mmCIF file of all heavy atoms, coordinates in Angstrom:
data_MODEL
# 
_entry.id   MODEL 
# 
loop_
_atom_site.group_PDB 
_atom_site.id 
_atom_site.type_symbol 
_atom_site.label_atom_id 
_atom_site.label_alt_id 
_atom_site.label_comp_id 
_atom_site.label_asym_id 
_atom_site.label_entity_id 
_atom_site.label_seq_id 
_atom_site.pdbx_PDB_ins_code 
_atom_site.Cartn_x 
_atom_site.Cartn_y 
_atom_site.Cartn_z 
_atom_site.occupancy 
_atom_site.B_iso_or_equiv 
_atom_site.pdbx_formal_charge 
_atom_site.auth_seq_id 
_atom_site.auth_comp_id 
_atom_site.auth_asym_id 
_atom_site.auth_atom_id 
_atom_site.pdbx_PDB_model_num 
ATOM 1   N N   . PHE A 1 1  ? 0.851  -1.237 0.039   1.00 0.00 ? 1  PHE A N   1 
ATOM 2   C CA  . PHE A 1 1  ? -0.041 0.039  0.046   1.00 0.00 ? 1  PHE A CA  1 
ATOM 3   C C   . PHE A 1 1  ? 0.867  1.251  0.003   1.00 0.00 ? 1  PHE A C   1 
ATOM 4   O O   . PHE A 1 1  ? 0.640  2.167  -0.801  1.00 0.00 ? 1  PHE A O   1 
ATOM 5   C CB  . PHE A 1 1  ? -0.882 -0.077 1.227   1.00 0.00 ? 1  PHE A CB  1 
ATOM 6   C CG  . PHE A 1 1  ? -1.539 1.314  1.485   1.00 0.00 ? 1  PHE A CG  1 
ATOM 7   C CD1 . PHE A 1 1  ? -2.667 1.779  0.847   1.00 0.00 ? 1  PHE A CD1 1 
ATOM 8   C CD2 . PHE A 1 1  ? -1.035 2.175  2.614   1.00 0.00 ? 1  PHE A CD2 1 
ATOM 9   C CE1 . PHE A 1 1  ? -3.153 2.965  1.080   1.00 0.00 ? 1  PHE A CE1 1 
ATOM 10  C CE2 . PHE A 1 1  ? -1.603 3.404  2.720   1.00 0.00 ? 1  PHE A CE2 1 
ATOM 11  C CZ  . PHE A 1 1  ? -2.764 3.759  2.037   1.00 0.00 ? 1  PHE A CZ  1 
ATOM 12  N N   . ALA A 1 2  ? 1.896  1.362  0.981   1.00 0.00 ? 2  ALA A N   1 
ATOM 13  C CA  . ALA A 1 2  ? 2.687  2.555  0.995   1.00 0.00 ? 2  ALA A CA  1 
ATOM 14  C C   . ALA A 1 2  ? 3.470  2.745  -0.137  1.00 0.00 ? 2  ALA A C   1 
ATOM 15  O O   . ALA A 1 2  ? 3.661  3.909  -0.678  1.00 0.00 ? 2  ALA A O   1 
ATOM 16  C CB  . ALA A 1 2  ? 3.543  2.439  2.332   1.00 0.00 ? 2  ALA A CB  1 
ATOM 17  N N   . GLU A 1 3  ? 4.119  1.675  -0.735  1.00 0.00 ? 3  GLU A N   1 
ATOM 18  C CA  . GLU A 1 3  ? 4.914  1.830  -1.844  1.00 0.00 ? 3  GLU A CA  1 
ATOM 19  C C   . GLU A 1 3  ? 4.204  2.258  -3.091  1.00 0.00 ? 3  GLU A C   1 
ATOM 20  O O   . GLU A 1 3  ? 4.656  2.986  -4.020  1.00 0.00 ? 3  GLU A O   1 
ATOM 21  C CB  . GLU A 1 3  ? 5.874  0.666  -2.101  1.00 0.00 ? 3  GLU A CB  1 
ATOM 22  C CG  . GLU A 1 3  ? 6.911  0.381  -1.087  1.00 0.00 ? 3  GLU A CG  1 
ATOM 23  C CD  . GLU A 1 3  ? 7.638  -0.917 -1.270  1.00 0.00 ? 3  GLU A CD  1 
ATOM 24  O OE1 . GLU A 1 3  ? 7.339  -1.528 -2.170  1.00 0.00 ? 3  GLU A OE1 1 
ATOM 25  O OE2 . GLU A 1 3  ? 8.611  -1.068 -0.516  1.00 0.00 ? 3  GLU A OE2 1 
ATOM 26  N N   . LEU A 1 4  ? 3.040  1.635  -3.349  1.00 0.00 ? 4  LEU A N   1 
ATOM 27  C CA  . LEU A 1 4  ? 2.354  1.884  -4.578  1.00 0.00 ? 4  LEU A CA  1 
ATOM 28  C C   . LEU A 1 4  ? 1.739  3.320  -4.465  1.00 0.00 ? 4  LEU A C   1 
ATOM 29  O O   . LEU A 1 4  ? 1.594  4.095  -5.483  1.00 0.00 ? 4  LEU A O   1 
ATOM 30  C CB  . LEU A 1 4  ? 0.942  0.897  -4.671  1.00 0.00 ? 4  LEU A CB  1 
ATOM 31  C CG  . LEU A 1 4  ? 1.566  -0.484 -5.082  1.00 0.00 ? 4  LEU A CG  1 
ATOM 32  C CD1 . LEU A 1 4  ? 0.192  -1.374 -5.227  1.00 0.00 ? 4  LEU A CD1 1 
ATOM 33  C CD2 . LEU A 1 4  ? 2.158  -0.369 -6.516  1.00 0.00 ? 4  LEU A CD2 1 
ATOM 34  N N   . ILE A 1 5  ? 1.226  3.823  -3.174  1.00 0.00 ? 5  ILE A N   1 
ATOM 35  C CA  . ILE A 1 5  ? 0.623  5.075  -3.088  1.00 0.00 ? 5  ILE A CA  1 
ATOM 36  C C   . ILE A 1 5  ? 1.748  6.110  -3.300  1.00 0.00 ? 5  ILE A C   1 
ATOM 37  O O   . ILE A 1 5  ? 1.543  7.054  -4.025  1.00 0.00 ? 5  ILE A O   1 
ATOM 38  C CB  . ILE A 1 5  ? 0.086  5.302  -1.693  1.00 0.00 ? 5  ILE A CB  1 
ATOM 39  C CG1 . ILE A 1 5  ? -1.244 4.437  -1.468  1.00 0.00 ? 5  ILE A CG1 1 
ATOM 40  C CG2 . ILE A 1 5  ? -0.163 6.834  -1.379  1.00 0.00 ? 5  ILE A CG2 1 
ATOM 41  C CD1 . ILE A 1 5  ? -2.393 4.881  -2.418  1.00 0.00 ? 5  ILE A CD1 1 
ATOM 42  N N   . TYR A 1 6  ? 2.948  5.920  -2.734  1.00 0.00 ? 6  TYR A N   1 
ATOM 43  C CA  . TYR A 1 6  ? 4.003  6.901  -2.924  1.00 0.00 ? 6  TYR A CA  1 
ATOM 44  C C   . TYR A 1 6  ? 4.471  6.818  -4.425  1.00 0.00 ? 6  TYR A C   1 
ATOM 45  O O   . TYR A 1 6  ? 4.724  8.006  -4.829  1.00 0.00 ? 6  TYR A O   1 
ATOM 46  C CB  . TYR A 1 6  ? 5.225  6.530  -1.965  1.00 0.00 ? 6  TYR A CB  1 
ATOM 47  C CG  . TYR A 1 6  ? 6.373  7.445  -2.153  1.00 0.00 ? 6  TYR A CG  1 
ATOM 48  C CD1 . TYR A 1 6  ? 6.323  8.724  -1.640  1.00 0.00 ? 6  TYR A CD1 1 
ATOM 49  C CD2 . TYR A 1 6  ? 7.452  6.909  -2.779  1.00 0.00 ? 6  TYR A CD2 1 
ATOM 50  C CE1 . TYR A 1 6  ? 7.542  9.536  -1.834  1.00 0.00 ? 6  TYR A CE1 1 
ATOM 51  C CE2 . TYR A 1 6  ? 8.609  7.812  -2.935  1.00 0.00 ? 6  TYR A CE2 1 
ATOM 52  C CZ  . TYR A 1 6  ? 8.625  9.076  -2.411  1.00 0.00 ? 6  TYR A CZ  1 
ATOM 53  O OH  . TYR A 1 6  ? 9.798  9.819  -2.638  1.00 0.00 ? 6  TYR A OH  1 
ATOM 54  N N   . THR A 1 7  ? 4.646  5.703  -4.777  1.00 0.00 ? 7  THR A N   1 
ATOM 55  C CA  . THR A 1 7  ? 5.182  5.650  -6.351  1.00 0.00 ? 7  THR A CA  1 
ATOM 56  C C   . THR A 1 7  ? 4.100  6.259  -7.314  1.00 0.00 ? 7  THR A C   1 
ATOM 57  O O   . THR A 1 7  ? 4.585  7.087  -8.099  1.00 0.00 ? 7  THR A O   1 
ATOM 58  C CB  . THR A 1 7  ? 5.477  4.149  -6.580  1.00 0.00 ? 7  THR A CB  1 
ATOM 59  O OG1 . THR A 1 7  ? 6.389  3.604  -5.755  1.00 0.00 ? 7  THR A OG1 1 
ATOM 60  C CG2 . THR A 1 7  ? 6.020  4.115  -8.093  1.00 0.00 ? 7  THR A CG2 1 
ATOM 61  N N   . CYS A 1 8  ? 2.900  5.995  -7.094  1.00 0.00 ? 8  CYS A N   1 
ATOM 62  C CA  . CYS A 1 8  ? 1.884  6.324  -8.161  1.00 0.00 ? 8  CYS A CA  1 
ATOM 63  C C   . CYS A 1 8  ? 1.441  7.784  -7.841  1.00 0.00 ? 8  CYS A C   1 
ATOM 64  O O   . CYS A 1 8  ? 1.442  8.742  -8.561  1.00 0.00 ? 8  CYS A O   1 
ATOM 65  C CB  . CYS A 1 8  ? 0.764  5.422  -8.140  1.00 0.00 ? 8  CYS A CB  1 
ATOM 66  S SG  . CYS A 1 8  ? 1.175  3.775  -8.711  1.00 0.00 ? 8  CYS A SG  1 
ATOM 67  N N   . ILE A 1 9  ? 1.115  8.103  -6.581  1.00 0.00 ? 9  ILE A N   1 
ATOM 68  C CA  . ILE A 1 9  ? 0.298  9.296  -6.332  1.00 0.00 ? 9  ILE A CA  1 
ATOM 69  C C   . ILE A 1 9  ? 1.345  10.397 -6.142  1.00 0.00 ? 9  ILE A C   1 
ATOM 70  O O   . ILE A 1 9  ? 1.151  11.600 -6.487  1.00 0.00 ? 9  ILE A O   1 
ATOM 71  C CB  . ILE A 1 9  ? -0.519 9.221  -5.046  1.00 0.00 ? 9  ILE A CB  1 
ATOM 72  C CG1 . ILE A 1 9  ? -1.513 8.080  -5.154  1.00 0.00 ? 9  ILE A CG1 1 
ATOM 73  C CG2 . ILE A 1 9  ? -1.239 10.561 -4.724  1.00 0.00 ? 9  ILE A CG2 1 
ATOM 74  C CD1 . ILE A 1 9  ? -2.493 8.252  -6.397  1.00 0.00 ? 9  ILE A CD1 1 
ATOM 75  N N   . THR A 1 10 ? 2.520  10.062 -5.484  1.00 0.00 ? 10 THR A N   1 
ATOM 76  C CA  . THR A 1 10 ? 3.359  11.209 -5.137  1.00 0.00 ? 10 THR A CA  1 
ATOM 77  C C   . THR A 1 10 ? 4.392  11.524 -6.281  1.00 0.00 ? 10 THR A C   1 
ATOM 78  O O   . THR A 1 10 ? 4.834  12.515 -6.563  1.00 0.00 ? 10 THR A O   1 
ATOM 79  C CB  . THR A 1 10 ? 4.119  10.800 -3.870  1.00 0.00 ? 10 THR A CB  1 
ATOM 80  O OG1 . THR A 1 10 ? 3.332  10.721 -2.821  1.00 0.00 ? 10 THR A OG1 1 
ATOM 81  C CG2 . THR A 1 10 ? 5.139  11.951 -3.519  1.00 0.00 ? 10 THR A CG2 1 
ATOM 82  N N   . ILE A 1 11 ? 4.741  10.387 -6.989  1.00 0.00 ? 11 ILE A N   1 
ATOM 83  C CA  . ILE A 1 11 ? 5.882  10.579 -8.093  1.00 0.00 ? 11 ILE A CA  1 
ATOM 84  C C   . ILE A 1 11 ? 5.279  10.536 -9.455  1.00 0.00 ? 11 ILE A C   1 
ATOM 85  O O   . ILE A 1 11 ? 5.283  11.487 -10.282 1.00 0.00 ? 11 ILE A O   1 
ATOM 86  C CB  . ILE A 1 11 ? 6.942  9.614  -7.839  1.00 0.00 ? 11 ILE A CB  1 
ATOM 87  C CG1 . ILE A 1 11 ? 7.562  9.883  -6.508  1.00 0.00 ? 11 ILE A CG1 1 
ATOM 88  C CG2 . ILE A 1 11 ? 7.857  9.846  -9.068  1.00 0.00 ? 11 ILE A CG2 1 
ATOM 89  C CD1 . ILE A 1 11 ? 8.778  8.898  -6.193  1.00 0.00 ? 11 ILE A CD1 1 
ATOM 90  N N   . ILE A 1 12 ? 4.716  9.368  -9.924  1.00 0.00 ? 12 ILE A N   1 
ATOM 91  C CA  . ILE A 1 12 ? 4.397  9.095  -11.380 1.00 0.00 ? 12 ILE A CA  1 
ATOM 92  C C   . ILE A 1 12 ? 3.255  9.910  -11.798 1.00 0.00 ? 12 ILE A C   1 
ATOM 93  O O   . ILE A 1 12 ? 3.342  10.670 -12.775 1.00 0.00 ? 12 ILE A O   1 
ATOM 94  C CB  . ILE A 1 12 ? 4.143  7.636  -11.530 1.00 0.00 ? 12 ILE A CB  1 
ATOM 95  C CG1 . ILE A 1 12 ? 5.393  6.936  -11.279 1.00 0.00 ? 12 ILE A CG1 1 
ATOM 96  C CG2 . ILE A 1 12 ? 3.689  7.348  -12.961 1.00 0.00 ? 12 ILE A CG2 1 
ATOM 97  C CD1 . ILE A 1 12 ? 5.362  5.291  -11.444 1.00 0.00 ? 12 ILE A CD1 1 
ATOM 98  N N   . PHE A 1 13 ? 2.106  9.967  -11.027 1.00 0.00 ? 13 PHE A N   1 
ATOM 99  C CA  . PHE A 1 13 ? 0.963  10.732 -11.751 1.00 0.00 ? 13 PHE A CA  1 
ATOM 100 C C   . PHE A 1 13 ? 1.205  12.206 -11.772 1.00 0.00 ? 13 PHE A C   1 
ATOM 101 O O   . PHE A 1 13 ? 0.841  12.734 -12.755 1.00 0.00 ? 13 PHE A O   1 
ATOM 102 C CB  . PHE A 1 13 ? -0.253 10.445 -10.846 1.00 0.00 ? 13 PHE A CB  1 
ATOM 103 C CG  . PHE A 1 13 ? -0.945 9.012  -10.855 1.00 0.00 ? 13 PHE A CG  1 
ATOM 104 C CD1 . PHE A 1 13 ? -1.881 8.524  -10.052 1.00 0.00 ? 13 PHE A CD1 1 
ATOM 105 C CD2 . PHE A 1 13 ? -0.407 8.202  -11.902 1.00 0.00 ? 13 PHE A CD2 1 
ATOM 106 C CE1 . PHE A 1 13 ? -2.365 7.253  -10.152 1.00 0.00 ? 13 PHE A CE1 1 
ATOM 107 C CE2 . PHE A 1 13 ? -0.861 6.855  -12.062 1.00 0.00 ? 13 PHE A CE2 1 
ATOM 108 C CZ  . PHE A 1 13 ? -1.878 6.455  -11.181 1.00 0.00 ? 13 PHE A CZ  1 
ATOM 109 N N   . PRO A 1 14 ? 1.685  12.951 -10.841 1.00 0.00 ? 14 PRO A N   1 
ATOM 110 C CA  . PRO A 1 14 ? 1.976  14.260 -10.796 1.00 0.00 ? 14 PRO A CA  1 
ATOM 111 C C   . PRO A 1 14 ? 3.016  14.633 -11.992 1.00 0.00 ? 14 PRO A C   1 
ATOM 112 O O   . PRO A 1 14 ? 2.806  15.595 -12.730 1.00 0.00 ? 14 PRO A O   1 
ATOM 113 C CB  . PRO A 1 14 ? 2.387  14.711 -9.561  1.00 0.00 ? 14 PRO A CB  1 
ATOM 114 C CG  . PRO A 1 14 ? 2.761  13.616 -8.692  1.00 0.00 ? 14 PRO A CG  1 
ATOM 115 C CD  . PRO A 1 14 ? 1.937  12.450 -9.357  1.00 0.00 ? 14 PRO A CD  1 
ATOM 116 N N   . LEU A 1 15 ? 3.965  13.669 -12.088 1.00 0.00 ? 15 LEU A N   1 
ATOM 117 C CA  . LEU A 1 15 ? 5.019  14.032 -13.167 1.00 0.00 ? 15 LEU A CA  1 
ATOM 118 C C   . LEU A 1 15 ? 4.326  13.769 -14.519 1.00 0.00 ? 15 LEU A C   1 
ATOM 119 O O   . LEU A 1 15 ? 4.688  14.650 -15.466 1.00 0.00 ? 15 LEU A O   1 
ATOM 120 C CB  . LEU A 1 15 ? 6.130  12.909 -13.017 1.00 0.00 ? 15 LEU A CB  1 
ATOM 121 C CG  . LEU A 1 15 ? 7.256  13.339 -12.083 1.00 0.00 ? 15 LEU A CG  1 
ATOM 122 C CD1 . LEU A 1 15 ? 8.272  12.208 -11.998 1.00 0.00 ? 15 LEU A CD1 1 
ATOM 123 C CD2 . LEU A 1 15 ? 7.888  14.563 -12.415 1.00 0.00 ? 15 LEU A CD2 1 
ATOM 124 N N   . ILE A 1 16 ? 3.442  12.757 -14.684 1.00 0.00 ? 16 ILE A N   1 
ATOM 125 C CA  . ILE A 1 16 ? 2.858  12.738 -16.019 1.00 0.00 ? 16 ILE A CA  1 
ATOM 126 C C   . ILE A 1 16 ? 1.971  13.792 -16.355 1.00 0.00 ? 16 ILE A C   1 
ATOM 127 O O   . ILE A 1 16 ? 2.001  14.358 -17.513 1.00 0.00 ? 16 ILE A O   1 
ATOM 128 C CB  . ILE A 1 16 ? 2.040  11.445 -16.022 1.00 0.00 ? 16 ILE A CB  1 
ATOM 129 C CG1 . ILE A 1 16 ? 2.860  10.045 -16.046 1.00 0.00 ? 16 ILE A CG1 1 
ATOM 130 C CG2 . ILE A 1 16 ? 1.067  11.366 -17.290 1.00 0.00 ? 16 ILE A CG2 1 
ATOM 131 C CD1 . ILE A 1 16 ? 2.052  8.849  -15.854 1.00 0.00 ? 16 ILE A CD1 1 
ATOM 132 N N   . LEU A 1 17 ? 1.276  14.374 -15.336 1.00 0.00 ? 17 LEU A N   1 
ATOM 133 C CA  . LEU A 1 17 ? 0.416  15.556 -15.657 1.00 0.00 ? 17 LEU A CA  1 
ATOM 134 C C   . LEU A 1 17 ? 1.266  16.815 -15.801 1.00 0.00 ? 17 LEU A C   1 
ATOM 135 O O   . LEU A 1 17 ? 0.931  17.516 -16.641 1.00 0.00 ? 17 LEU A O   1 
ATOM 136 C CB  . LEU A 1 17 ? -0.433 15.802 -14.446 1.00 0.00 ? 17 LEU A CB  1 
ATOM 137 C CG  . LEU A 1 17 ? -1.534 14.733 -14.229 1.00 0.00 ? 17 LEU A CG  1 
ATOM 138 C CD1 . LEU A 1 17 ? -2.395 14.996 -12.876 1.00 0.00 ? 17 LEU A CD1 1 
ATOM 139 C CD2 . LEU A 1 17 ? -2.547 14.758 -15.341 1.00 0.00 ? 17 LEU A CD2 1 
ATOM 140 N N   . MET A 1 18 ? 2.260  16.922 -15.071 1.00 0.00 ? 18 MET A N   1 
ATOM 141 C CA  . MET A 1 18 ? 3.294  18.088 -15.283 1.00 0.00 ? 18 MET A CA  1 
ATOM 142 C C   . MET A 1 18 ? 3.794  18.062 -16.782 1.00 0.00 ? 18 MET A C   1 
ATOM 143 O O   . MET A 1 18 ? 3.808  19.174 -17.474 1.00 0.00 ? 18 MET A O   1 
ATOM 144 C CB  . MET A 1 18 ? 4.584  17.918 -14.357 1.00 0.00 ? 18 MET A CB  1 
ATOM 145 C CG  . MET A 1 18 ? 4.216  18.205 -12.919 1.00 0.00 ? 18 MET A CG  1 
ATOM 146 S SD  . MET A 1 18 ? 5.738  18.004 -12.024 1.00 0.00 ? 18 MET A SD  1 
ATOM 147 C CE  . MET A 1 18 ? 5.165  17.733 -10.300 1.00 0.00 ? 18 MET A CE  1 
ATOM 148 N N   . LEU A 1 19 ? 4.321  16.952 -17.177 1.00 0.00 ? 19 LEU A N   1 
ATOM 149 C CA  . LEU A 1 19 ? 4.862  16.821 -18.626 1.00 0.00 ? 19 LEU A CA  1 
ATOM 150 C C   . LEU A 1 19 ? 3.672  17.122 -19.614 1.00 0.00 ? 19 LEU A C   1 
ATOM 151 O O   . LEU A 1 19 ? 3.904  17.667 -20.643 1.00 0.00 ? 19 LEU A O   1 
ATOM 152 C CB  . LEU A 1 19 ? 5.487  15.509 -18.760 1.00 0.00 ? 19 LEU A CB  1 
ATOM 153 C CG  . LEU A 1 19 ? 6.657  15.087 -17.995 1.00 0.00 ? 19 LEU A CG  1 
ATOM 154 C CD1 . LEU A 1 19 ? 7.134  13.681 -18.084 1.00 0.00 ? 19 LEU A CD1 1 
ATOM 155 C CD2 . LEU A 1 19 ? 7.820  15.927 -18.417 1.00 0.00 ? 19 LEU A CD2 1 
ATOM 156 N N   . LEU A 1 20 ? 2.478  16.483 -19.320 1.00 0.00 ? 20 LEU A N   1 
ATOM 157 C CA  . LEU A 1 20 ? 1.396  16.742 -20.253 1.00 0.00 ? 20 LEU A CA  1 
ATOM 158 C C   . LEU A 1 20 ? 1.097  18.229 -20.410 1.00 0.00 ? 20 LEU A C   1 
ATOM 159 O O   . LEU A 1 20 ? 0.953  18.809 -21.428 1.00 0.00 ? 20 LEU A O   1 
ATOM 160 C CB  . LEU A 1 20 ? 0.239  16.054 -19.755 1.00 0.00 ? 20 LEU A CB  1 
ATOM 161 C CG  . LEU A 1 20 ? -1.193 16.258 -20.641 1.00 0.00 ? 20 LEU A CG  1 
ATOM 162 C CD1 . LEU A 1 20 ? -0.980 15.689 -21.982 1.00 0.00 ? 20 LEU A CD1 1 
ATOM 163 C CD2 . LEU A 1 20 ? -2.276 15.417 -19.908 1.00 0.00 ? 20 LEU A CD2 1 
ATOM 164 N N   . PHE A 1 21 ? 0.921  18.908 -19.209 1.00 0.00 ? 21 PHE A N   1 
ATOM 165 C CA  . PHE A 1 21 ? 0.625  20.400 -19.344 1.00 0.00 ? 21 PHE A CA  1 
ATOM 166 C C   . PHE A 1 21 ? 1.802  21.145 -19.930 1.00 0.00 ? 21 PHE A C   1 
ATOM 167 O O   . PHE A 1 21 ? 1.537  22.073 -20.534 1.00 0.00 ? 21 PHE A O   1 
ATOM 168 C CB  . PHE A 1 21 ? 0.275  20.898 -17.962 1.00 0.00 ? 21 PHE A CB  1 
ATOM 169 C CG  . PHE A 1 21 ? -1.145 20.522 -17.400 1.00 0.00 ? 21 PHE A CG  1 
ATOM 170 C CD1 . PHE A 1 21 ? -1.330 19.707 -16.270 1.00 0.00 ? 21 PHE A CD1 1 
ATOM 171 C CD2 . PHE A 1 21 ? -2.222 20.871 -18.202 1.00 0.00 ? 21 PHE A CD2 1 
ATOM 172 C CE1 . PHE A 1 21 ? -2.599 19.419 -15.871 1.00 0.00 ? 21 PHE A CE1 1 
ATOM 173 C CE2 . PHE A 1 21 ? -3.448 20.502 -17.718 1.00 0.00 ? 21 PHE A CE2 1 
ATOM 174 C CZ  . PHE A 1 21 ? -3.654 19.721 -16.560 1.00 0.00 ? 21 PHE A CZ  1 
ATOM 175 N N   . GLY A 1 22 ? 3.036  20.723 -19.606 1.00 0.00 ? 22 GLY A N   1 
ATOM 176 C CA  . GLY A 1 22 ? 4.148  21.364 -20.065 1.00 0.00 ? 22 GLY A CA  1 
ATOM 177 C C   . GLY A 1 22 ? 4.242  21.277 -21.637 1.00 0.00 ? 22 GLY A C   1 
ATOM 178 O O   . GLY A 1 22 ? 4.480  22.264 -22.404 1.00 0.00 ? 22 GLY A O   1 
ATOM 179 N N   . PHE A 1 23 ? 3.939  20.072 -22.276 1.00 0.00 ? 23 PHE A N   1 
ATOM 180 C CA  . PHE A 1 23 ? 3.991  20.009 -23.626 1.00 0.00 ? 23 PHE A CA  1 
ATOM 181 C C   . PHE A 1 23 ? 2.732  20.767 -24.252 1.00 0.00 ? 23 PHE A C   1 
ATOM 182 O O   . PHE A 1 23 ? 2.902  21.323 -25.454 1.00 0.00 ? 23 PHE A O   1 
ATOM 183 C CB  . PHE A 1 23 ? 3.817  18.466 -24.136 1.00 0.00 ? 23 PHE A CB  1 
ATOM 184 C CG  . PHE A 1 23 ? 5.042  17.628 -23.973 1.00 0.00 ? 23 PHE A CG  1 
ATOM 185 C CD1 . PHE A 1 23 ? 5.133  16.579 -23.244 1.00 0.00 ? 23 PHE A CD1 1 
ATOM 186 C CD2 . PHE A 1 23 ? 6.246  18.132 -24.504 1.00 0.00 ? 23 PHE A CD2 1 
ATOM 187 C CE1 . PHE A 1 23 ? 6.297  15.787 -23.083 1.00 0.00 ? 23 PHE A CE1 1 
ATOM 188 C CE2 . PHE A 1 23 ? 7.363  17.492 -24.226 1.00 0.00 ? 23 PHE A CE2 1 
ATOM 189 C CZ  . PHE A 1 23 ? 7.451  16.229 -23.628 1.00 0.00 ? 23 PHE A CZ  1 
ATOM 190 N N   . MET A 1 24 ? 1.733  20.740 -23.671 1.00 0.00 ? 24 MET A N   1 
ATOM 191 C CA  . MET A 1 24 ? 0.403  21.449 -24.070 1.00 0.00 ? 24 MET A CA  1 
ATOM 192 C C   . MET A 1 24 ? 0.770  23.095 -24.143 1.00 0.00 ? 24 MET A C   1 
ATOM 193 O O   . MET A 1 24 ? 0.396  23.870 -25.019 1.00 0.00 ? 24 MET A O   1 
ATOM 194 C CB  . MET A 1 24 ? -0.696 21.176 -23.276 1.00 0.00 ? 24 MET A CB  1 
ATOM 195 C CG  . MET A 1 24 ? -1.331 19.763 -23.539 1.00 0.00 ? 24 MET A CG  1 
ATOM 196 S SD  . MET A 1 24 ? -2.586 19.242 -22.255 1.00 0.00 ? 24 MET A SD  1 
ATOM 197 C CE  . MET A 1 24 ? -3.931 20.467 -22.574 1.00 0.00 ? 24 MET A CE  1 
ATOM 198 N N   . THR A 1 25 ? 1.424  23.447 -22.993 1.00 0.00 ? 25 THR A N   1 
ATOM 199 C CA  . THR A 1 25 ? 1.926  24.908 -22.942 1.00 0.00 ? 25 THR A CA  1 
ATOM 200 C C   . THR A 1 25 ? 2.880  25.343 -24.004 1.00 0.00 ? 25 THR A C   1 
ATOM 201 O O   . THR A 1 25 ? 2.658  26.335 -24.693 1.00 0.00 ? 25 THR A O   1 
ATOM 202 C CB  . THR A 1 25 ? 2.490  25.144 -21.564 1.00 0.00 ? 25 THR A CB  1 
ATOM 203 O OG1 . THR A 1 25 ? 1.634  24.767 -20.416 1.00 0.00 ? 25 THR A OG1 1 
ATOM 204 C CG2 . THR A 1 25 ? 2.874  26.619 -21.348 1.00 0.00 ? 25 THR A CG2 1 
ATOM 205 N N   . ILE A 1 26 ? 3.774  24.440 -24.349 1.00 0.00 ? 26 ILE A N   1 
ATOM 206 C CA  . ILE A 1 26 ? 4.748  24.743 -25.390 1.00 0.00 ? 26 ILE A CA  1 
ATOM 207 C C   . ILE A 1 26 ? 4.022  24.768 -26.708 1.00 0.00 ? 26 ILE A C   1 
ATOM 208 O O   . ILE A 1 26 ? 4.246  25.600 -27.564 1.00 0.00 ? 26 ILE A O   1 
ATOM 209 C CB  . ILE A 1 26 ? 5.828  23.656 -25.522 1.00 0.00 ? 26 ILE A CB  1 
ATOM 210 C CG1 . ILE A 1 26 ? 6.677  23.774 -24.136 1.00 0.00 ? 26 ILE A CG1 1 
ATOM 211 C CG2 . ILE A 1 26 ? 6.602  23.778 -26.763 1.00 0.00 ? 26 ILE A CG2 1 
ATOM 212 C CD1 . ILE A 1 26 ? 7.757  22.623 -24.049 1.00 0.00 ? 26 ILE A CD1 1 
ATOM 213 N N   . SER A 1 27 ? 3.105  23.910 -26.975 1.00 0.00 ? 27 SER A N   1 
ATOM 214 C CA  . SER A 1 27 ? 2.144  23.886 -28.186 1.00 0.00 ? 27 SER A CA  1 
ATOM 215 C C   . SER A 1 27 ? 1.391  25.172 -28.239 1.00 0.00 ? 27 SER A C   1 
ATOM 216 O O   . SER A 1 27 ? 1.435  25.743 -29.506 1.00 0.00 ? 27 SER A O   1 
ATOM 217 C CB  . SER A 1 27 ? 1.272  22.657 -28.210 1.00 0.00 ? 27 SER A CB  1 
ATOM 218 O OG  . SER A 1 27 ? 0.407  22.703 -29.299 1.00 0.00 ? 27 SER A OG  1 
# 
């Protein structure tokens, strides 16, 4: 539970959204 929550919610999901909005902003 702790590792999946930290890996997905704290690191991967926000990074994916950051990159997505970053590319959309550049576009």
